[in-house]
Each structure stands twice: as C-alpha cells, then as structure tokens.
C-alpha cells in the first residue's frame, strides 16, 4: 500500500481576502456583456509546466446563488460534498479551457471593485474527473473544486492564481480554509481581454 503525502496550502491573508470575494463581495453592476480573458499559467508543482488558459464570464452569479453556497459552508464542518452538489446544479456562468482541452463549464463568477480602479474576479467550478480517476478513486477525488482568482487593473490587465484540485472546509476556529492538493497555486500571469 502506497501512502500519498497531502500538501496543505494555508492561504495567506492577501489571497484569503481575494478568495473571500468568492463568497462575500458584492457584484460590480452594469457588466452584462460576455467577457473573455486569456493568460499564461505556470504550474511549479512536480516540475514546471506552462499553458495558455482562456476563460469567459457570460453572466455573473446572483446574490441568491452566493448565499446558497455561503450557507452550505457556514452550516457544515466539511461542506465538500454538499457544496459540490450545489455548485454542479447551478447554471453555467461561463467556461475555462486550455488550447489542447475542451472547455469546462464555470458554475460561479463574482467580481468586486478594487481601490485602484481595477477589479477582482473569482470564478469556481467542479474539477473535471476522468474515467480512470472516478473508477480508481485516488486521494485526489477528495479535492473536487477549481478556483481562479484574478486581479485586473483599470485596463483589464493583471495576474492571479489558479487553485486546481481544491477542498473547502471550516477549521476549528470557524475560518473557511482552502486546502489545495498540489503544493502551491498555479500562477496565472499576463492576463488580458481576449477579443
């Protein structure tokens, strides 16, 4: 029997505040048009890998959708399963993809204003699970979320982080914790609008 080491990411307060936008921040109004972005992702886990990542937001999640997810997190010590089912039932808000893969539906998208005139965008979805992973059920199956946090300047250019293979739980101090199966978030650089 092989024992796999789980690397836990304790998100710093700056990233925490950005990730908190996923659950608490108000939506910036007046953004009804489809917005498409592209950026350069750098994954330093298990050897450097790079890829172009595109994502689009076709609609912003509503306050009611945010409250549904937040309620599940607040009411459950380990909300992973309930949160996953609720997220999967939500209507598509956009997509995320790399050039060599099919697009994957995003289920949650929120944005908030930043003090410098820019904005923060947080998108979330369930993580694609392949047939072999579903059949063999390795430890990675317990990390079903992908969360992308982007900080854009007033010209819609910026950077962010991708937490792929993430679990969400409430710790003993009642803090929401993002636990990442990988060693560190994927850096998401050179983000710009995609026309």
Foldseek 3Di string as FASTA:
>chain_A
DDDDDFAWDFDDPVVVVLVCQQQDAAADPDPQAKFKKKWKWWDPFPHTDIFIKMKIFNDADDNVLSVVLVVLQLVDQFSQVVNQVSQVPADFGIWMDTPVDDTDTWRHWGKDADPQQWIKIKTKHFADDDPVCVVVVDPLVQQTMKMWIWTAHNQRWGWTWIQHSWGWGQDPVRDIGITGRTNDTIITHGMHTDD
